[in-house]
């Protein structure tokens, strides 16, 4: 089950309020990076095969096929030059060096 930190709950609720959206927020596989699989989030409609997690003020959804990969995922708040946001952190794959791409710069 996905865990959402208290700070991420605040950030997501602010984003939901500003966007004036009532749709669930989908966590989805976005590809591989140097440190392994990467996940992102976006407003979306729930599908029958989705898993749903209710959080204070919003709902997270994700495909049933991602259940194993996301079972220890943590949604956390981050501060960026563009303002506050959220990131999905998954359990480490054990990779400690760049192995899947030409570079991150």
PDB file of N, CA and C in Angstrom:
ATOM      1  N   UNK A   1       0.838  -1.182   0.000  1.00  0.00           N
ATOM      2  CA  UNK A   1       0.000   0.000   0.000  1.00  0.00           C
ATOM      3  C   UNK A   1       0.885   1.249   0.000  1.00  0.00           C
ATOM      4  N   UNK A   2       0.494   2.222  -0.756  1.00  0.00           N
ATOM      5  CA  UNK A   2       1.234   3.473  -0.842  1.00  0.00           C
ATOM      6  C   UNK A   2       1.056   4.271   0.452  1.00  0.00           C
ATOM      7  N   UNK A   3       2.168   4.795   0.968  1.00  0.00           N
ATOM      8  CA  UNK A   3       2.136   5.660   2.137  1.00  0.00           C
ATOM      9  C   UNK A   3       2.318   7.102   1.683  1.00  0.00           C
ATOM     10  N   UNK A   4       1.527   8.005   2.232  1.00  0.00           N
ATOM     11  CA  UNK A   4       1.644   9.428   1.911  1.00  0.00           C
ATOM     12  C   UNK A   4       2.050  10.156   3.189  1.00  0.00           C
ATOM     13  N   UNK A   5       3.164  10.874   3.137  1.00  0.00           N
ATOM     14  CA  UNK A   5       3.637  11.596   4.314  1.00  0.00           C
ATOM     15  C   UNK A   5       2.681  12.748   4.638  1.00  0.00           C
ATOM     16  N   UNK A   6       2.631  13.182   5.893  1.00  0.00           N
ATOM     17  CA  UNK A   6       1.754  14.305   6.252  1.00  0.00           C
ATOM     18  C   UNK A   6       2.025  15.570   5.428  1.00  0.00           C
ATOM     19  N   UNK A   7       3.296  15.874   5.169  1.00  0.00           N
ATOM     20  CA  UNK A   7       3.633  17.052   4.368  1.00  0.00           C
ATOM     21  C   UNK A   7       3.125  16.893   2.927  1.00  0.00           C
ATOM     22  N   UNK A   8       3.221  15.683   2.370  1.00  0.00           N
ATOM     23  CA  UNK A   8       2.707  15.426   1.018  1.00  0.00           C
ATOM     24  C   UNK A   8       1.187  15.562   0.976  1.00  0.00           C
ATOM     25  N   UNK A   9       0.504  15.149   2.051  1.00  0.00           N
ATOM     26  CA  UNK A   9      -0.956  15.318   2.121  1.00  0.00           C
ATOM     27  C   UNK A   9      -1.298  16.802   2.006  1.00  0.00           C
ATOM     28  N   UNK A  10      -0.576  17.641   2.751  1.00  0.00           N
ATOM     29  CA  UNK A  10      -0.809  19.096   2.681  1.00  0.00           C
ATOM     30  C   UNK A  10      -0.569  19.626   1.269  1.00  0.00           C
ATOM     31  N   UNK A  11       0.549  19.219   0.671  1.00  0.00           N
ATOM     32  CA  UNK A  11       0.906  19.691  -0.670  1.00  0.00           C
ATOM     33  C   UNK A  11      -0.122  19.248  -1.699  1.00  0.00           C
ATOM     34  N   UNK A  12      -0.511  17.975  -1.659  1.00  0.00           N
ATOM     35  CA  UNK A  12      -1.481  17.457  -2.633  1.00  0.00           C
ATOM     36  C   UNK A  12      -2.836  18.127  -2.446  1.00  0.00           C
ATOM     37  N   UNK A  13      -3.269  18.303  -1.208  1.00  0.00           N
ATOM     38  CA  UNK A  13      -4.554  18.985  -0.986  1.00  0.00           C
ATOM     39  C   UNK A  13      -4.526  20.419  -1.526  1.00  0.00           C
ATOM     40  N   UNK A  14      -3.385  21.093  -1.410  1.00  0.00           N
ATOM     41  CA  UNK A  14      -3.261  22.444  -1.968  1.00  0.00           C
ATOM     42  C   UNK A  14      -3.331  22.410  -3.495  1.00  0.00           C
ATOM     43  N   UNK A  15      -2.691  21.415  -4.096  1.00  0.00           N
ATOM     44  CA  UNK A  15      -2.734  21.262  -5.558  1.00  0.00           C
ATOM     45  C   UNK A  15      -4.154  20.963  -6.018  1.00  0.00           C
ATOM     46  N   UNK A  16      -4.841  20.063  -5.322  1.00  0.00           N
ATOM     47  CA  UNK A  16      -6.225  19.711  -5.665  1.00  0.00           C
ATOM     48  C   UNK A  16      -7.122  20.947  -5.572  1.00  0.00           C
ATOM     49  N   UNK A  17      -6.960  21.713  -4.499  1.00  0.00           N
ATOM     50  CA  UNK A  17      -7.772  22.917  -4.308  1.00  0.00           C
ATOM     51  C   UNK A  17      -7.503  23.938  -5.417  1.00  0.00           C
ATOM     52  N   UNK A  18      -6.228  24.162  -5.726  1.00  0.00           N
ATOM     53  CA  UNK A  18      -5.873  25.133  -6.759  1.00  0.00           C
ATOM     54  C   UNK A  18      -6.367  24.702  -8.145  1.00  0.00           C
ATOM     55  N   UNK A  19      -6.287  23.392  -8.422  1.00  0.00           N
ATOM     56  CA  UNK A  19      -6.713  22.864  -9.719  1.00  0.00           C
ATOM     57  C   UNK A  19      -8.237  22.737  -9.818  1.00  0.00           C
ATOM     58  N   UNK A  20      -8.912  22.836  -8.673  1.00  0.00           N
ATOM     59  CA  UNK A  20     -10.373  22.676  -8.622  1.00  0.00           C
ATOM     60  C   UNK A  20     -10.806  21.364  -9.271  1.00  0.00           C
ATOM     61  N   UNK A  21     -10.104  20.287  -8.898  1.00  0.00           N
ATOM     62  CA  UNK A  21     -10.362  18.956  -9.445  1.00  0.00           C
ATOM     63  C   UNK A  21     -10.955  18.055  -8.367  1.00  0.00           C
ATOM     64  N   UNK A  22     -11.804  17.141  -8.807  1.00  0.00           N
ATOM     65  CA  UNK A  22     -12.329  16.139  -7.886  1.00  0.00           C
ATOM     66  C   UNK A  22     -11.950  14.729  -8.338  1.00  0.00           C
ATOM     67  N   UNK A  23     -11.250  14.632  -9.487  1.00  0.00           N
ATOM     68  CA  UNK A  23     -10.823  13.326  -9.983  1.00  0.00           C
ATOM     69  C   UNK A  23      -9.773  12.715  -9.061  1.00  0.00           C
ATOM     70  N   UNK A  24      -9.697  11.383  -9.052  1.00  0.00           N
ATOM     71  CA  UNK A  24      -8.620  10.737  -8.311  1.00  0.00           C
ATOM     72  C   UNK A  24      -7.266  11.092  -8.929  1.00  0.00           C
ATOM     73  N   UNK A  25      -6.216  10.822  -8.192  1.00  0.00           N
ATOM     74  CA  UNK A  25      -4.862  11.067  -8.665  1.00  0.00           C
ATOM     75  C   UNK A  25      -4.226   9.716  -8.962  1.00  0.00           C
ATOM     76  N   UNK A  26      -3.832   9.528 -10.222  1.00  0.00           N
ATOM     77  CA  UNK A  26      -3.236   8.268 -10.653  1.00  0.00           C
ATOM     78  C   UNK A  26      -1.723   8.291 -10.438  1.00  0.00           C
ATOM     79  N   UNK A  27      -1.214   7.212  -9.841  1.00  0.00           N
ATOM     80  CA  UNK A  27       0.226   6.971  -9.758  1.00  0.00           C
ATOM     81  C   UNK A  27       0.522   6.007 -10.905  1.00  0.00           C
ATOM     82  N   UNK A  28       1.468   6.386 -11.775  1.00  0.00           N
ATOM     83  CA  UNK A  28       1.735   5.561 -12.946  1.00  0.00           C
ATOM     84  C   UNK A  28       3.228   5.431 -13.213  1.00  0.00           C
ATOM     85  N   UNK A  29       3.582   4.333 -13.878  1.00  0.00           N
ATOM     86  CA  UNK A  29       4.967   4.069 -14.261  1.00  0.00           C
ATOM     87  C   UNK A  29       5.343   5.044 -15.366  1.00  0.00           C
ATOM     88  N   UNK A  30       6.461   5.764 -15.167  1.00  0.00           N
ATOM     89  CA  UNK A  30       6.865   6.789 -16.128  1.00  0.00           C
ATOM     90  C   UNK A  30       8.141   6.421 -16.875  1.00  0.00           C
ATOM     91  N   UNK A  31       8.710   5.259 -16.612  1.00  0.00           N
ATOM     92  CA  UNK A  31       9.924   4.835 -17.294  1.00  0.00           C
ATOM     93  C   UNK A  31      11.026   4.540 -16.298  1.00  0.00           C
ATOM     94  N   UNK A  32      12.210   4.287 -16.840  1.00  0.00           N
ATOM     95  CA  UNK A  32      13.364   3.975 -16.001  1.00  0.00           C
ATOM     96  C   UNK A  32      14.324   5.145 -15.970  1.00  0.00           C
ATOM     97  N   UNK A  33      14.921   5.355 -14.818  1.00  0.00           N
ATOM     98  CA  UNK A  33      15.967   6.359 -14.661  1.00  0.00           C
ATOM     99  C   UNK A  33      17.220   5.631 -14.179  1.00  0.00           C
ATOM    100  N   UNK A  34      18.261   6.367 -13.905  1.00  0.00           N
ATOM    101  CA  UNK A  34      19.519   5.756 -13.452  1.00  0.00           C
ATOM    102  C   UNK A  34      19.342   4.932 -12.179  1.00  0.00           C
ATOM    103  N   UNK A  35      18.387   5.306 -11.347  1.00  0.00           N
ATOM    104  CA  UNK A  35      18.205   4.600 -10.080  1.00  0.00           C
ATOM    105  C   UNK A  35      17.051   3.602 -10.117  1.00  0.00           C
ATOM    106  N   UNK A  36      16.533   3.311 -11.298  1.00  0.00           N
ATOM    107  CA  UNK A  36      15.485   2.303 -11.407  1.00  0.00           C
ATOM    108  C   UNK A  36      14.187   2.877 -11.916  1.00  0.00           C
ATOM    109  N   UNK A  37      13.063   2.207 -11.634  1.00  0.00           N
ATOM    110  CA  UNK A  37      11.774   2.656 -12.142  1.00  0.00           C
ATOM    111  C   UNK A  37      11.369   4.008 -11.555  1.00  0.00           C
ATOM    112  N   UNK A  38      10.690   4.789 -12.374  1.00  0.00           N
ATOM    113  CA  UNK A  38      10.237   6.114 -11.968  1.00  0.00           C
ATOM    114  C   UNK A  38       8.712   6.165 -12.079  1.00  0.00           C
ATOM    115  N   UNK A  39       8.081   6.795 -11.104  1.00  0.00           N
ATOM    116  CA  UNK A  39       6.618   6.913 -11.079  1.00  0.00           C
ATOM    117  C   UNK A  39       6.226   8.377 -10.980  1.00  0.00           C
ATOM    118  N   UNK A  40       5.114   8.713 -11.610  1.00  0.00           N
ATOM    119  CA  UNK A  40       4.600  10.077 -11.576  1.00  0.00           C
ATOM    120  C   UNK A  40       3.135  10.033 -11.154  1.00  0.00           C
ATOM    121  N   UNK A  41       2.534  11.221 -11.036  1.00  0.00           N
ATOM    122  CA  UNK A  41       1.144  11.332 -10.612  1.00  0.00           C
ATOM    123  C   UNK A  41       0.420  12.339 -11.493  1.00  0.00           C
ATOM    124  N   UNK A  42      -0.875  12.064 -11.758  1.00  0.00           N
ATOM    125  CA  UNK A  42      -1.694  12.977 -12.547  1.00  0.00           C
ATOM    126  C   UNK A  42      -3.171  12.705 -12.240  1.00  0.00           C
ATOM    127  N   UNK A  43      -4.001  13.728 -12.389  1.00  0.00           N
ATOM    128  CA  UNK A  43      -5.442  13.529 -12.242  1.00  0.00           C
ATOM    129  C   UNK A  43      -5.920  12.587 -13.345  1.00  0.00           C
ATOM    130  N   UNK A  44      -6.839  11.672 -13.005  1.00  0.00           N
ATOM    131  CA  UNK A  44      -7.346  10.717 -13.980  1.00  0.00           C
ATOM    132  C   UNK A  44      -8.665  10.139 -13.479  1.00  0.00           C
ATOM    133  N   UNK A  45      -9.344   9.434 -14.349  1.00  0.00           N
ATOM    134  CA  UNK A  45     -10.581   8.734 -13.989  1.00  0.00           C
ATOM    135  C   UNK A  45     -10.237   7.325 -13.525  1.00  0.00           C
ATOM    136  N   UNK A  46     -10.981   6.825 -12.555  1.00  0.00           N
ATOM    137  CA  UNK A  46     -10.789   5.466 -12.051  1.00  0.00           C
ATOM    138  C   UNK A  46     -11.342   4.468 -13.045  1.00  0.00           C
ATOM    139  N   UNK A  47     -10.598   3.378 -13.244  1.00  0.00           N
ATOM    140  CA  UNK A  47     -11.028   2.268 -14.080  1.00  0.00           C
ATOM    141  C   UNK A  47     -11.365   1.090 -13.173  1.00  0.00           C
ATOM    142  N   UNK A  48     -12.180   0.164 -13.675  1.00  0.00           N
ATOM    143  CA  UNK A  48     -12.616  -0.980 -12.873  1.00  0.00           C
ATOM    144  C   UNK A  48     -11.460  -1.772 -12.270  1.00  0.00           C
ATOM    145  N   UNK A  49     -10.362  -1.907 -13.015  1.00  0.00           N
ATOM    146  CA  UNK A  49      -9.247  -2.732 -12.553  1.00  0.00           C
ATOM    147  C   UNK A  49      -8.260  -1.983 -11.657  1.00  0.00           C
ATOM    148  N   UNK A  50      -8.523  -0.724 -11.360  1.00  0.00           N
ATOM    149  CA  UNK A  50      -7.625   0.070 -10.528  1.00  0.00           C
ATOM    150  C   UNK A  50      -7.758  -0.258  -9.043  1.00  0.00           C
ATOM    151  N   UNK A  51      -6.659  -0.073  -8.350  1.00  0.00           N
ATOM    152  CA  UNK A  51      -6.653  -0.142  -6.890  1.00  0.00           C
ATOM    153  C   UNK A  51      -6.797   1.292  -6.395  1.00  0.00           C
ATOM    154  N   UNK A  52      -7.580   1.465  -5.358  1.00  0.00           N
ATOM    155  CA  UNK A  52      -7.903   2.794  -4.851  1.00  0.00           C
ATOM    156  C   UNK A  52      -7.451   2.907  -3.398  1.00  0.00           C
ATOM    157  N   UNK A  53      -6.802   4.021  -3.078  1.00  0.00           N
ATOM    158  CA  UNK A  53      -6.393   4.302  -1.706  1.00  0.00           C
ATOM    159  C   UNK A  53      -6.923   5.673  -1.324  1.00  0.00           C
ATOM    160  N   UNK A  54      -7.779   5.726  -0.328  1.00  0.00           N
ATOM    161  CA  UNK A  54      -8.329   7.000   0.149  1.00  0.00           C
ATOM    162  C   UNK A  54      -7.335   7.623   1.136  1.00  0.00           C
ATOM    163  N   UNK A  55      -7.063   8.899   0.927  1.00  0.00           N
ATOM    164  CA  UNK A  55      -6.166   9.661   1.792  1.00  0.00           C
ATOM    165  C   UNK A  55      -6.955  10.888   2.236  1.00  0.00           C
ATOM    166  N   UNK A  56      -6.500  11.574   3.262  1.00  0.00           N
ATOM    167  CA  UNK A  56      -7.207  12.739   3.785  1.00  0.00           C
ATOM    168  C   UNK A  56      -7.419  13.805   2.708  1.00  0.00           C
ATOM    169  N   UNK A  57      -8.602  13.835   2.100  1.00  0.00           N
ATOM    170  CA  UNK A  57      -8.946  14.884   1.146  1.00  0.00           C
ATOM    171  C   UNK A  57      -8.834  14.509  -0.318  1.00  0.00           C
ATOM    172  N   UNK A  58      -8.250  13.357  -0.644  1.00  0.00           N
ATOM    173  CA  UNK A  58      -8.110  12.951  -2.043  1.00  0.00           C
ATOM    174  C   UNK A  58      -7.997  11.431  -2.126  1.00  0.00           C
ATOM    175  N   UNK A  59      -8.035  10.922  -3.363  1.00  0.00           N
ATOM    176  CA  UNK A  59      -7.936   9.488  -3.611  1.00  0.00           C
ATOM    177  C   UNK A  59      -6.801   9.214  -4.574  1.00  0.00           C
ATOM    178  N   UNK A  60      -5.956   8.246  -4.237  1.00  0.00           N
ATOM    179  CA  UNK A  60      -4.916   7.778  -5.142  1.00  0.00           C
ATOM    180  C   UNK A  60      -5.409   6.507  -5.824  1.00  0.00           C
ATOM    181  N   UNK A  61      -5.095   6.366  -7.113  1.00  0.00           N
ATOM    182  CA  UNK A  61      -5.422   5.147  -7.853  1.00  0.00           C
ATOM    183  C   UNK A  61      -4.173   4.683  -8.603  1.00  0.00           C
ATOM    184  N   UNK A  62      -4.112   3.390  -8.882  1.00  0.00           N
ATOM    185  CA  UNK A  62      -3.048   2.837  -9.710  1.00  0.00           C
ATOM    186  C   UNK A  62      -3.501   1.494 -10.256  1.00  0.00           C
ATOM    187  N   UNK A  63      -2.883   1.093 -11.388  1.00  0.00           N
ATOM    188  CA  UNK A  63      -3.226  -0.163 -12.024  1.00  0.00           C
ATOM    189  C   UNK A  63      -2.892  -1.332 -11.109  1.00  0.00           C
ATOM    190  N   UNK A  64      -3.757  -2.331 -11.122  1.00  0.00           N
ATOM    191  CA  UNK A  64      -3.546  -3.521 -10.295  1.00  0.00           C
ATOM    192  C   UNK A  64      -2.187  -4.158 -10.572  1.00  0.00           C
ATOM    193  N   UNK A  65      -1.708  -4.084 -11.811  1.00  0.00           N
ATOM    194  CA  UNK A  65      -0.422  -4.661 -12.173  1.00  0.00           C
ATOM    195  C   UNK A  65       0.768  -3.999 -11.494  1.00  0.00           C
ATOM    196  N   UNK A  66       0.571  -2.822 -10.907  1.00  0.00           N
ATOM    197  CA  UNK A  66       1.652  -2.123 -10.205  1.00  0.00           C
ATOM    198  C   UNK A  66       1.642  -2.381  -8.701  1.00  0.00           C
ATOM    199  N   UNK A  67       0.717  -3.198  -8.252  1.00  0.00           N
ATOM    200  CA  UNK A  67       0.545  -3.419  -6.815  1.00  0.00           C
ATOM    201  C   UNK A  67       1.834  -3.859  -6.120  1.00  0.00           C
ATOM    202  N   UNK A  68       2.551  -4.801  -6.695  1.00  0.00           N
ATOM    203  CA  UNK A  68       3.784  -5.302  -6.076  1.00  0.00           C
ATOM    204  C   UNK A  68       4.856  -4.215  -6.029  1.00  0.00           C
ATOM    205  N   UNK A  69       5.025  -3.470  -7.131  1.00  0.00           N
ATOM    206  CA  UNK A  69       6.054  -2.433  -7.200  1.00  0.00           C
ATOM    207  C   UNK A  69       5.772  -1.276  -6.237  1.00  0.00           C
ATOM    208  N   UNK A  70       4.499  -0.991  -6.000  1.00  0.00           N
ATOM    209  CA  UNK A  70       4.123   0.163  -5.180  1.00  0.00           C
ATOM    210  C   UNK A  70       3.784  -0.189  -3.737  1.00  0.00           C
ATOM    211  N   UNK A  71       3.924  -1.459  -3.355  1.00  0.00           N
ATOM    212  CA  UNK A  71       3.484  -1.861  -2.011  1.00  0.00           C
ATOM    213  C   UNK A  71       4.245  -1.147  -0.900  1.00  0.00           C
ATOM    214  N   UNK A  72       5.482  -0.718  -1.156  1.00  0.00           N
ATOM    215  CA  UNK A  72       6.253   0.008  -0.149  1.00  0.00           C
ATOM    216  C   UNK A  72       6.568   1.431  -0.602  1.00  0.00           C
ATOM    217  N   UNK A  73       5.805   1.937  -1.562  1.00  0.00           N
ATOM    218  CA  UNK A  73       6.044   3.287  -2.089  1.00  0.00           C
ATOM    219  C   UNK A  73       5.655   4.340  -1.062  1.00  0.00           C
ATOM    220  N   UNK A  74       6.385   5.453  -1.127  1.00  0.00           N
ATOM    221  CA  UNK A  74       6.104   6.597  -0.256  1.00  0.00           C
ATOM    222  C   UNK A  74       5.956   7.828  -1.135  1.00  0.00           C
ATOM    223  N   UNK A  75       4.845   8.527  -0.969  1.00  0.00           N
ATOM    224  CA  UNK A  75       4.654   9.808  -1.638  1.00  0.00           C
ATOM    225  C   UNK A  75       5.104  10.864  -0.641  1.00  0.00           C
ATOM    226  N   UNK A  76       6.070  11.676  -1.059  1.00  0.00           N
ATOM    227  CA  UNK A  76       6.661  12.658  -0.159  1.00  0.00           C
ATOM    228  C   UNK A  76       6.636  14.035  -0.807  1.00  0.00           C
ATOM    229  N   UNK A  77       6.707  15.054  -0.002  1.00  0.00           N
ATOM    230  CA  UNK A  77       6.723  16.438  -0.472  1.00  0.00           C
ATOM    231  C   UNK A  77       8.157  16.837  -0.793  1.00  0.00           C
ATOM    232  N   UNK A  78       8.316  17.632  -1.861  1.00  0.00           N
ATOM    233  CA  UNK A  78       9.628  18.160  -2.222  1.00  0.00           C
ATOM    234  C   UNK A  78       9.490  19.642  -2.541  1.00  0.00           C
ATOM    235  N   UNK A  79      10.555  20.380  -2.286  1.00  0.00           N
ATOM    236  CA  UNK A  79      10.601  21.789  -2.664  1.00  0.00           C
ATOM    237  C   UNK A  79      11.477  21.907  -3.894  1.00  0.00           C
ATOM    238  N   UNK A  80      10.958  22.562  -4.920  1.00  0.00           N
ATOM    239  CA  UNK A  80      11.691  22.741  -6.165  1.00  0.00           C
ATOM    240  C   UNK A  80      11.769  24.235  -6.476  1.00  0.00           C
ATOM    241  N   UNK A  81      12.602  24.631  -7.421  1.00  0.00           N
ATOM    242  CA  UNK A  81      12.646  26.044  -7.803  1.00  0.00           C
ATOM    243  C   UNK A  81      11.286  26.564  -8.305  1.00  0.00           C
ATOM    244  N   UNK A  82      10.458  25.647  -8.830  1.00  0.00           N
ATOM    245  CA  UNK A  82       9.129  26.031  -9.305  1.00  0.00           C
ATOM    246  C   UNK A  82       8.092  26.057  -8.193  1.00  0.00           C
ATOM    247  N   UNK A  83       8.455  25.629  -7.005  1.00  0.00           N
ATOM    248  CA  UNK A  83       7.534  25.590  -5.877  1.00  0.00           C
ATOM    249  C   UNK A  83       7.425  24.186  -5.312  1.00  0.00           C
ATOM    250  N   UNK A  84       6.504  23.996  -4.368  1.00  0.00           N
ATOM    251  CA  UNK A  84       6.351  22.673  -3.746  1.00  0.00           C
ATOM    252  C   UNK A  84       5.746  21.669  -4.720  1.00  0.00           C
ATOM    253  N   UNK A  85       6.110  20.419  -4.514  1.00  0.00           N
ATOM    254  CA  UNK A  85       5.582  19.335  -5.335  1.00  0.00           C
ATOM    255  C   UNK A  85       5.652  18.034  -4.560  1.00  0.00           C
ATOM    256  N   UNK A  86       5.410  16.945  -5.242  1.00  0.00           N
ATOM    257  CA  UNK A  86       5.466  15.630  -4.610  1.00  0.00           C
ATOM    258  C   UNK A  86       6.285  14.683  -5.481  1.00  0.00           C
ATOM    259  N   UNK A  87       6.803  13.656  -4.836  1.00  0.00           N
ATOM    260  CA  UNK A  87       7.598  12.647  -5.518  1.00  0.00           C
ATOM    261  C   UNK A  87       7.173  11.283  -4.998  1.00  0.00           C
ATOM    262  N   UNK A  88       7.207  10.282  -5.869  1.00  0.00           N
ATOM    263  CA  UNK A  88       6.894   8.913  -5.478  1.00  0.00           C
ATOM    264  C   UNK A  88       8.222   8.175  -5.338  1.00  0.00           C
ATOM    265  N   UNK A  89       8.517   7.740  -4.116  1.00  0.00           N
ATOM    266  CA  UNK A  89       9.752   6.996  -3.867  1.00  0.00           C
ATOM    267  C   UNK A  89       9.384   5.519  -3.709  1.00  0.00           C
ATOM    268  N   UNK A  90      10.122   4.682  -4.407  1.00  0.00           N
ATOM    269  CA  UNK A  90       9.890   3.241  -4.297  1.00  0.00           C
ATOM    270  C   UNK A  90      11.079   2.593  -3.618  1.00  0.00           C
ATOM    271  N   UNK A  91      10.871   1.384  -3.125  1.00  0.00           N
ATOM    272  CA  UNK A  91      11.945   0.657  -2.458  1.00  0.00           C
ATOM    273  C   UNK A  91      13.133   0.548  -3.399  1.00  0.00           C
ATOM    274  N   UNK A  92      14.311   0.752  -2.867  1.00  0.00           N
ATOM    275  CA  UNK A  92      15.534   0.718  -3.660  1.00  0.00           C
ATOM    276  C   UNK A  92      15.700  -0.614  -4.371  1.00  0.00           C
ATOM    277  N   UNK A  93      16.161  -0.519  -5.610  1.00  0.00           N
ATOM    278  CA  UNK A  93      16.433  -1.728  -6.387  1.00  0.00           C
ATOM    279  C   UNK A  93      17.830  -2.259  -6.108  1.00  0.00           C
ATOM    280  N   UNK A  94      18.570  -1.577  -5.250  1.00  0.00           N
ATOM    281  CA  UNK A  94      19.925  -1.996  -4.942  1.00  0.00           C
ATOM    282  C   UNK A  94      20.952  -1.368  -5.870  1.00  0.00           C
ATOM    283  N   UNK A  95      20.498  -0.615  -6.853  1.00  0.00           N
ATOM    284  CA  UNK A  95      21.410   0.027  -7.788  1.00  0.00           C
ATOM    285  C   UNK A  95      22.055   1.226  -7.111  1.00  0.00           C
ATOM    286  N   UNK A  96      23.371   1.304  -7.173  1.00  0.00           N
ATOM    287  CA  UNK A  96      24.077   2.414  -6.540  1.00  0.00           C
ATOM    288  C   UNK A  96      24.819   3.274  -7.548  1.00  0.00           C
ATOM    289  N   UNK A  97      24.817   2.880  -8.812  1.00  0.00           N
ATOM    290  CA  UNK A  97      25.509   3.656  -9.840  1.00  0.00           C
ATOM    291  C   UNK A  97      24.654   3.708 -11.093  1.00  0.00           C
ATOM    292  N   UNK A  98      24.964   4.636 -11.964  1.00  0.00           N
ATOM    293  CA  UNK A  98      24.247   4.753 -13.224  1.00  0.00           C
ATOM    294  C   UNK A  98      24.479   3.489 -14.054  1.00  0.00           C
ATOM    295  N   UNK A  99      23.372   2.893 -14.498  1.00  0.00           N
ATOM    296  CA  UNK A  99      23.493   1.659 -15.284  1.00  0.00           C
ATOM    297  C   UNK A  99      22.540   1.631 -16.471  1.00  0.00           C
ATOM    298  N   UNK A 100      21.536   2.508 -16.520  1.00  0.00           N
ATOM    299  CA  UNK A 100      20.516   2.345 -17.540  1.00  0.00           C
ATOM    300  C   UNK A 100      20.441   3.473 -18.554  1.00  0.00           C
ATOM    301  N   UNK A 101      21.310   4.480 -18.435  1.00  0.00           N
ATOM    302  CA  UNK A 101      21.221   5.572 -19.391  1.00  0.00           C
ATOM    303  C   UNK A 101      22.590   6.204 -19.621  1.00  0.00           C
ATOM    304  N   UNK A 102      22.646   7.110 -20.581  1.00  0.00           N
ATOM    305  CA  UNK A 102      23.909   7.752 -20.927  1.00  0.00           C
ATOM    306  C   UNK A 102      24.302   8.858 -19.962  1.00  0.00           C
ATOM    307  N   UNK A 103      23.371   9.384 -19.226  1.00  0.00           N
ATOM    308  CA  UNK A 103      23.714  10.427 -18.267  1.00  0.00           C
ATOM    309  C   UNK A 103      22.513  11.207 -17.797  1.00  0.00           C
ATOM    310  N   UNK A 104      22.665  11.848 -16.673  1.00  0.00           N
ATOM    311  CA  UNK A 104      21.572  12.594 -16.066  1.00  0.00           C
ATOM    312  C   UNK A 104      21.766  14.103 -16.218  1.00  0.00           C
ATOM    313  N   UNK A 105      22.784  14.540 -16.875  1.00  0.00           N
ATOM    314  CA  UNK A 105      23.107  15.966 -16.938  1.00  0.00           C
ATOM    315  C   UNK A 105      22.653  16.587 -18.222  1.00  0.00           C
TER     316      UNK A 105
END
